[in-house]
Amino acid sequence: MNYVDILYNVNEIIVDLGLEKSYREFSCNLDTYLLNKYGEYYLGLQLYEINERQNHFYVVASYDNDYGLGLIIGDIQKYIYDYKWKNSVKRISVFSFTTSTRAVPPLY
């Protein structure tokens, strides 16, 4: 089996009722933008909508652990978090590779 060195960020997103479609569209546009601008490092996102709560989402963003990711991850996150949803969207970090140390498989 080939080893692929992928890092993840997972966020829970809660949007105001009625903004679900807008958030899905934003996520799609954001994914396209980041793939075009940072395609060497950014591998894409997956957006999961919670079946029981239509305004709750999980976003799983994938990154290639390539040399230089550490230099641009701040730019990527700044772009994402600077988007102005005001108080209509609550973002809860579930997991971030930037604040955790991977144990298995180890980083070399």
C-alpha atoms as a PDB file:
ATOM      1  CA  MET A   1       0.000   0.000   0.000  1.00  0.00           C
ATOM      2  CA  ASN A   2       1.360   3.416  -0.919  1.00  0.00           C
ATOM      3  CA  TYR A   3       1.645   5.901   1.887  1.00  0.00           C
ATOM      4  CA  VAL A   4       0.055   9.286   1.219  1.00  0.00           C
ATOM      5  CA  ASP A   5       0.969  12.103   3.575  1.00  0.00           C
ATOM      6  CA  ILE A   6      -2.332  13.962   4.022  1.00  0.00           C
ATOM      7  CA  LEU A   7      -3.205  16.327   6.859  1.00  0.00           C
ATOM      8  CA  TYR A   8      -6.752  17.272   7.885  1.00  0.00           C
ATOM      9  CA  ASN A   9      -8.748  20.035   9.507  1.00  0.00           C
ATOM     10  CA  VAL A  10     -12.285  19.292  10.684  1.00  0.00           C
ATOM     11  CA  ASN A  11     -14.746  21.998  11.678  1.00  0.00           C
ATOM     12  CA  GLU A  12     -18.346  21.878  12.795  1.00  0.00           C
ATOM     13  CA  ILE A  13     -20.338  24.682  11.214  1.00  0.00           C
ATOM     14  CA  ILE A  14     -23.722  25.904  12.440  1.00  0.00           C
ATOM     15  CA  VAL A  15     -25.477  28.391  10.182  1.00  0.00           C
ATOM     16  CA  ASP A  16     -28.627  30.370  10.852  1.00  0.00           C
ATOM     17  CA  LEU A  17     -31.707  28.621   9.520  1.00  0.00           C
ATOM     18  CA  GLY A  18     -32.322  29.640   5.926  1.00  0.00           C
ATOM     19  CA  LEU A  19     -28.605  30.059   5.105  1.00  0.00           C
ATOM     20  CA  GLU A  20     -27.933  26.393   4.356  1.00  0.00           C
ATOM     21  CA  LYS A  21     -27.991  26.801   0.569  1.00  0.00           C
ATOM     22  CA  SER A  22     -25.796  29.917   0.743  1.00  0.00           C
ATOM     23  CA  TYR A  23     -23.270  28.076   2.911  1.00  0.00           C
ATOM     24  CA  ARG A  24     -23.163  25.098   0.544  1.00  0.00           C
ATOM     25  CA  GLU A  25     -22.562  27.474  -2.392  1.00  0.00           C
ATOM     26  CA  PHE A  26     -19.885  29.367  -0.450  1.00  0.00           C
ATOM     27  CA  SER A  27     -18.134  26.093   0.400  1.00  0.00           C
ATOM     28  CA  CYS A  28     -18.140  25.000  -3.239  1.00  0.00           C
ATOM     29  CA  ASN A  29     -16.755  28.362  -4.405  1.00  0.00           C
ATOM     30  CA  LEU A  30     -14.163  28.387  -1.620  1.00  0.00           C
ATOM     31  CA  ASP A  31     -13.018  24.893  -2.555  1.00  0.00           C
ATOM     32  CA  THR A  32     -12.592  25.881  -6.215  1.00  0.00           C
ATOM     33  CA  TYR A  33     -10.697  29.055  -5.287  1.00  0.00           C
ATOM     34  CA  LEU A  34      -8.328  27.276  -2.901  1.00  0.00           C
ATOM     35  CA  LEU A  35      -7.668  24.451  -5.369  1.00  0.00           C
ATOM     36  CA  ASN A  36      -6.783  26.997  -8.048  1.00  0.00           C
ATOM     37  CA  LYS A  37      -4.636  29.204  -5.826  1.00  0.00           C
ATOM     38  CA  TYR A  38      -3.006  26.628  -3.504  1.00  0.00           C
ATOM     39  CA  GLY A  39      -3.372  23.368  -5.457  1.00  0.00           C
ATOM     40  CA  GLU A  40       0.144  22.265  -4.590  1.00  0.00           C
ATOM     41  CA  TYR A  41      -0.855  22.011  -0.919  1.00  0.00           C
ATOM     42  CA  TYR A  42      -4.648  22.145  -0.695  1.00  0.00           C
ATOM     43  CA  LEU A  43      -6.327  18.883  -1.757  1.00  0.00           C
ATOM     44  CA  GLY A  44      -9.953  19.908  -1.330  1.00  0.00           C
ATOM     45  CA  LEU A  45     -12.773  19.867   1.147  1.00  0.00           C
ATOM     46  CA  GLN A  46     -15.718  17.650   1.868  1.00  0.00           C
ATOM     47  CA  LEU A  47     -18.895  19.168   3.262  1.00  0.00           C
ATOM     48  CA  TYR A  48     -21.212  16.954   5.281  1.00  0.00           C
ATOM     49  CA  GLU A  49     -24.701  18.093   6.239  1.00  0.00           C
ATOM     50  CA  ILE A  50     -26.103  16.549   9.427  1.00  0.00           C
ATOM     51  CA  ASN A  51     -29.278  14.653   8.548  1.00  0.00           C
ATOM     52  CA  GLU A  52     -31.141  15.495  11.743  1.00  0.00           C
ATOM     53  CA  ARG A  53     -30.168  19.180  11.770  1.00  0.00           C
ATOM     54  CA  GLN A  54     -30.205  20.803   8.350  1.00  0.00           C
ATOM     55  CA  ASN A  55     -28.228  23.843   9.482  1.00  0.00           C
ATOM     56  CA  HIS A  56     -25.300  21.840  10.933  1.00  0.00           C
ATOM     57  CA  PHE A  57     -22.344  20.867   8.765  1.00  0.00           C
ATOM     58  CA  TYR A  58     -18.941  19.279   9.106  1.00  0.00           C
ATOM     59  CA  VAL A  59     -16.142  20.508   6.857  1.00  0.00           C
ATOM     60  CA  VAL A  60     -13.172  18.216   6.299  1.00  0.00           C
ATOM     61  CA  ALA A  61     -10.307  20.014   4.546  1.00  0.00           C
ATOM     62  CA  SER A  62      -7.340  18.015   3.246  1.00  0.00           C
ATOM     63  CA  TYR A  63      -3.782  19.190   2.718  1.00  0.00           C
ATOM     64  CA  ASP A  64      -0.697  17.580   1.207  1.00  0.00           C
ATOM     65  CA  ASN A  65       2.044  17.603   3.812  1.00  0.00           C
ATOM     66  CA  ASP A  66       4.517  18.997   1.314  1.00  0.00           C
ATOM     67  CA  TYR A  67       7.483  21.162   2.176  1.00  0.00           C
ATOM     68  CA  GLY A  68       6.229  24.735   2.295  1.00  0.00           C
ATOM     69  CA  LEU A  69       2.730  24.019   3.617  1.00  0.00           C
ATOM     70  CA  GLY A  70       3.684  25.626   6.912  1.00  0.00           C
ATOM     71  CA  LEU A  71       4.580  28.813   5.064  1.00  0.00           C
ATOM     72  CA  ILE A  72       1.187  29.247   3.383  1.00  0.00           C
ATOM     73  CA  ILE A  73      -1.307  27.562   5.760  1.00  0.00           C
ATOM     74  CA  GLY A  74      -1.732  30.864   7.591  1.00  0.00           C
ATOM     75  CA  ASP A  75      -2.685  32.570   4.316  1.00  0.00           C
ATOM     76  CA  ILE A  76      -5.233  29.856   3.530  1.00  0.00           C
ATOM     77  CA  GLN A  77      -6.799  30.021   6.976  1.00  0.00           C
ATOM     78  CA  LYS A  78      -6.818  33.814   6.953  1.00  0.00           C
ATOM     79  CA  TYR A  79      -8.693  33.816   3.652  1.00  0.00           C
ATOM     80  CA  ILE A  80     -11.242  31.299   4.947  1.00  0.00           C
ATOM     81  CA  TYR A  81     -11.826  32.949   8.304  1.00  0.00           C
ATOM     82  CA  ASP A  82     -11.848  36.505   6.976  1.00  0.00           C
ATOM     83  CA  TYR A  83     -15.001  35.787   4.998  1.00  0.00           C
ATOM     84  CA  LYS A  84     -17.738  37.932   6.542  1.00  0.00           C
ATOM     85  CA  TRP A  85     -20.611  35.794   7.753  1.00  0.00           C
ATOM     86  CA  LYS A  86     -20.909  38.052  10.785  1.00  0.00           C
ATOM     87  CA  ASN A  87     -22.876  36.232  13.504  1.00  0.00           C
ATOM     88  CA  SER A  88     -24.794  34.034  11.062  1.00  0.00           C
ATOM     89  CA  VAL A  89     -22.262  31.199  11.175  1.00  0.00           C
ATOM     90  CA  LYS A  90     -20.653  29.549  14.183  1.00  0.00           C
ATOM     91  CA  ARG A  91     -17.427  27.632  13.528  1.00  0.00           C
ATOM     92  CA  ILE A  92     -16.195  25.043  16.036  1.00  0.00           C
ATOM     93  CA  SER A  93     -12.781  23.496  15.441  1.00  0.00           C
ATOM     94  CA  VAL A  94     -13.113  19.752  15.984  1.00  0.00           C
ATOM     95  CA  PHE A  95      -9.588  18.913  14.887  1.00  0.00           C
ATOM     96  CA  SER A  96      -6.717  20.783  13.262  1.00  0.00           C
ATOM     97  CA  PHE A  97      -3.356  19.436  12.169  1.00  0.00           C
ATOM     98  CA  THR A  98      -1.936  22.873  13.010  1.00  0.00           C
ATOM     99  CA  THR A  99      -2.630  22.358  16.730  1.00  0.00           C
ATOM    100  CA  SER A 100      -1.981  18.610  16.983  1.00  0.00           C
ATOM    101  CA  THR A 101       0.934  16.245  16.572  1.00  0.00           C
ATOM    102  CA  ARG A 102       0.330  13.186  14.430  1.00  0.00           C
ATOM    103  CA  ALA A 103       1.344   9.961  16.174  1.00  0.00           C
ATOM    104  CA  VAL A 104       0.502   7.259  13.590  1.00  0.00           C
ATOM    105  CA  PRO A 105       1.851   7.203  10.968  1.00  0.00           C
ATOM    106  CA  PRO A 106       4.659   9.348  12.298  1.00  0.00           C
ATOM    107  CA  LEU A 107       5.990  12.354  10.472  1.00  0.00           C
ATOM    108  CA  TYR A 108       9.541  11.855   9.253  1.00  0.00           C
END
